[in-house]
Amino acid sequence: MTHISVTVDGTVYEDEVEPRLLLVHYLRDRLGLTGTPIGCDTSNCGACTVELDGMSVKSCTVLAVQADGGEVTTVQGLARDGAWTPLQRAFHERHALQCGYCTPGMIMAARDLLRENPHPTSGEVRQALEGNLCRCTGYQNIVRAVLAAAEDTAGETAGRDSAAGDGASGRRTASGQEVTA
């Protein structure tokens, strides 16, 4: 057994785990976070995508011991106080799910894309999601949802910027410092 300390959705967990335990099984079986589904267990479908230290990973390809000292965000950790993120809302409003099995992985991969590229094209969305499979939707509504979330997020940001009224841009660097001019 190996001792790990990992932050999952804002909560620190200390555990003893078998070195071969996959992160997806740790999340589901040990922590009860079943919002991250097991699709294929071979990294083909992307349903189990989570964020590890700010990067999307297929949790069936990561050992729990590799997350030691890290920060994991699952789809269950996105909505705060029951308020959906623009991406979750867009998936719902644009009918970007049918059976819903791939949805957690799609949302996590799309979130990674939007963080890197807040204004993607349809082609860029498709490329970013190529590691995530959906057998139900045909992807059209998924792509539309990601594009709508990007637009919605840009609108919210613009609203905050203009609401500041003090000439502040409202933009911040990754370290949280305000960007001027």
Protein backbone atom coordinates (compact mmCIF):
# COMPACT_ATOMS: atom_id res chain seq x y z
CA MET A 1 0.00 0.00 0.00
CA THR A 2 1.11 3.53 -0.77
CA HIS A 3 0.04 6.69 1.05
CA ILE A 4 -1.41 9.48 -1.11
CA SER A 5 -2.73 12.94 -0.42
CA VAL A 6 -4.84 14.35 -3.23
CA THR A 7 -7.24 17.26 -3.49
CA VAL A 8 -10.42 16.27 -5.31
CA ASP A 9 -13.03 18.91 -6.09
CA GLY A 10 -11.59 21.12 -3.35
CA THR A 11 -11.42 18.47 -0.61
CA VAL A 12 -8.12 16.95 0.53
CA TYR A 13 -8.12 13.17 0.85
CA GLU A 14 -5.45 11.12 2.61
CA ASP A 15 -5.53 7.44 1.67
CA GLU A 16 -3.60 4.21 1.45
CA VAL A 17 -3.94 2.72 -2.04
CA GLU A 18 -2.57 -0.15 -4.04
CA PRO A 19 0.10 1.22 -6.41
CA ARG A 20 -1.78 -0.23 -9.40
CA LEU A 21 -5.14 1.41 -8.58
CA LEU A 22 -6.35 3.59 -11.45
CA LEU A 23 -7.47 7.13 -10.69
CA VAL A 24 -10.93 6.46 -12.15
CA HIS A 25 -11.42 3.55 -9.75
CA TYR A 26 -10.13 5.63 -6.83
CA LEU A 27 -12.61 8.41 -7.64
CA ARG A 28 -15.56 6.08 -8.07
CA ASP A 29 -14.91 3.26 -5.62
CA ARG A 30 -13.04 4.98 -2.81
CA LEU A 31 -14.51 8.48 -2.93
CA GLY A 32 -17.95 7.64 -4.32
CA LEU A 33 -17.66 10.21 -7.12
CA THR A 34 -19.59 8.27 -9.71
CA GLY A 35 -20.08 11.25 -12.02
CA THR A 36 -16.87 10.15 -13.74
CA PRO A 37 -17.95 7.05 -15.70
CA ILE A 38 -15.83 4.10 -16.73
CA GLY A 39 -16.37 3.77 -20.44
CA CYS A 40 -13.70 1.51 -21.85
CA ASP A 41 -10.83 1.29 -19.32
CA THR A 42 -8.44 1.53 -22.29
CA SER A 43 -8.29 5.31 -22.96
CA ASN A 44 -10.30 5.04 -26.16
CA CYS A 45 -13.56 6.79 -25.26
CA GLY A 46 -12.69 9.77 -23.03
CA ALA A 47 -15.77 9.34 -20.81
CA CYS A 48 -13.55 9.30 -17.70
CA THR A 49 -11.81 12.61 -18.47
CA VAL A 50 -10.99 14.72 -15.41
CA GLU A 51 -8.56 17.54 -14.73
CA LEU A 52 -5.32 16.75 -12.96
CA ASP A 53 -3.36 19.84 -11.99
CA GLY A 54 -5.28 21.90 -14.56
CA MET A 55 -4.87 19.55 -17.53
CA SER A 56 -7.48 17.15 -18.84
CA VAL A 57 -6.49 13.50 -18.54
CA LYS A 58 -8.27 10.23 -19.10
CA SER A 59 -8.43 8.94 -15.55
CA CYS A 60 -8.28 5.33 -16.74
CA THR A 61 -4.69 5.98 -17.84
CA VAL A 62 -3.49 7.57 -14.60
CA LEU A 63 -2.63 5.70 -11.43
CA ALA A 64 -4.00 7.13 -8.19
CA VAL A 65 -0.42 7.34 -6.88
CA GLN A 66 0.44 9.62 -9.80
CA ALA A 67 -2.15 12.09 -8.48
CA ASP A 68 -0.40 12.23 -5.09
CA GLY A 69 0.07 15.87 -4.14
CA GLY A 70 -2.08 16.94 -7.05
CA GLU A 71 -5.43 18.57 -7.58
CA VAL A 72 -8.19 16.69 -9.38
CA THR A 73 -11.37 18.30 -10.66
CA THR A 74 -14.24 16.07 -11.74
CA VAL A 75 -17.44 17.08 -13.48
CA GLN A 76 -19.06 16.95 -10.05
CA GLY A 77 -16.74 19.68 -8.83
CA LEU A 78 -17.72 22.20 -11.51
CA ALA A 79 -21.13 23.38 -10.33
CA ARG A 80 -20.80 25.43 -7.15
CA ASP A 81 -23.81 25.72 -4.89
CA GLY A 82 -25.95 24.13 -7.59
CA ALA A 83 -25.17 26.80 -10.19
CA TRP A 84 -24.14 25.28 -13.50
CA THR A 85 -21.17 26.60 -15.39
CA PRO A 86 -21.85 28.18 -18.80
CA LEU A 87 -20.54 24.96 -20.37
CA GLN A 88 -22.88 22.71 -18.38
CA ARG A 89 -25.80 25.05 -19.11
CA ALA A 90 -24.99 25.07 -22.84
CA PHE A 91 -24.87 21.27 -22.98
CA HIS A 92 -28.30 21.15 -21.38
CA GLU A 93 -29.86 23.93 -23.45
CA ARG A 94 -28.41 22.73 -26.78
CA HIS A 95 -29.39 19.08 -26.19
CA ALA A 96 -25.75 18.02 -26.38
CA LEU A 97 -26.46 14.76 -24.64
CA GLN A 98 -28.76 11.85 -25.09
CA CYS A 99 -27.81 8.93 -22.91
CA GLY A 100 -25.39 11.21 -21.03
CA TYR A 101 -22.66 8.63 -20.60
CA CYS A 102 -20.01 10.60 -22.50
CA THR A 103 -21.13 13.98 -21.18
CA PRO A 104 -18.80 14.27 -18.15
CA GLY A 105 -15.75 13.58 -20.31
CA MET A 106 -16.97 15.87 -23.09
CA ILE A 107 -17.52 18.72 -20.65
CA MET A 108 -14.10 18.27 -19.03
CA ALA A 109 -12.31 18.12 -22.40
CA ALA A 110 -14.28 21.14 -23.67
CA ARG A 111 -13.42 23.03 -20.51
CA ASP A 112 -9.74 22.40 -21.18
CA LEU A 113 -10.18 23.69 -24.74
CA LEU A 114 -11.98 26.87 -23.65
CA ARG A 115 -9.32 27.63 -21.08
CA GLU A 116 -6.64 27.40 -23.78
CA ASN A 117 -8.72 28.93 -26.58
CA PRO A 118 -11.70 30.99 -25.38
CA HIS A 119 -12.94 31.64 -28.95
CA PRO A 120 -12.59 28.35 -30.84
CA THR A 121 -13.90 27.62 -34.30
CA SER A 122 -16.11 24.64 -35.01
CA GLY A 123 -13.09 22.81 -36.41
CA GLU A 124 -11.03 23.54 -33.30
CA VAL A 125 -13.81 22.20 -31.09
CA ARG A 126 -13.98 19.02 -33.15
CA GLN A 127 -10.23 18.58 -32.98
CA ALA A 128 -10.15 19.15 -29.21
CA LEU A 129 -12.87 16.56 -28.66
CA GLU A 130 -11.52 13.93 -31.05
CA GLY A 131 -10.42 11.77 -28.09
CA ASN A 132 -13.96 11.63 -26.73
CA LEU A 133 -16.50 9.29 -28.27
CA CYS A 134 -20.27 9.72 -28.38
CA ARG A 135 -22.44 7.02 -29.87
CA CYS A 136 -25.73 8.91 -29.61
CA THR A 137 -25.56 12.52 -30.74
CA GLY A 138 -23.56 12.70 -33.94
CA TYR A 139 -21.51 15.49 -32.28
CA GLN A 140 -23.39 18.40 -33.91
CA ASN A 141 -25.11 19.54 -30.73
CA ILE A 142 -21.96 18.97 -28.69
CA VAL A 143 -20.00 21.30 -30.96
CA ARG A 144 -22.84 23.84 -30.88
CA ALA A 145 -22.91 23.68 -27.08
CA VAL A 146 -19.18 24.33 -26.76
CA LEU A 147 -19.40 27.27 -29.17
CA ALA A 148 -22.40 28.65 -27.27
CA ALA A 149 -20.55 28.31 -23.96
CA ALA A 150 -17.61 30.20 -25.43
CA GLU A 151 -19.95 32.97 -26.57
CA ASP A 152 -21.81 32.98 -23.24
CA THR A 153 -18.57 33.17 -21.28
CA ALA A 154 -17.31 36.01 -23.48
CA GLY A 155 -20.57 37.87 -22.90
CA GLU A 156 -20.33 37.42 -19.14
CA THR A 157 -16.74 38.67 -19.18
CA ALA A 158 -17.68 41.69 -21.29
CA GLY A 159 -20.50 42.47 -18.86
CA ARG A 160 -18.13 42.36 -15.90
CA ASP A 161 -15.56 44.53 -17.72
CA SER A 162 -18.05 47.25 -18.59
CA ALA A 163 -19.70 47.06 -15.18
CA ALA A 164 -16.39 47.87 -13.51
CA GLY A 165 -16.71 51.44 -14.78
CA ASP A 166 -13.33 52.42 -13.36
CA GLY A 167 -11.27 51.81 -16.46
CA ALA A 168 -10.09 48.45 -15.17
CA SER A 169 -9.96 45.81 -17.83
CA GLY A 170 -11.28 43.04 -15.57
CA ARG A 171 -8.70 40.71 -17.12
CA ARG A 172 -6.18 38.87 -14.99
CA THR A 173 -3.03 36.89 -15.60
CA ALA A 174 -2.79 33.26 -14.52
CA SER A 175 -1.27 34.48 -11.23
CA GLY A 176 -4.30 36.71 -10.61
CA GLN A 177 -2.71 40.10 -11.34
CA GLU A 178 -4.87 42.60 -13.17
CA VAL A 179 -3.92 43.34 -16.76
CA THR A 180 -3.95 47.04 -17.56
CA ALA A 181 -4.35 48.56 -21.01
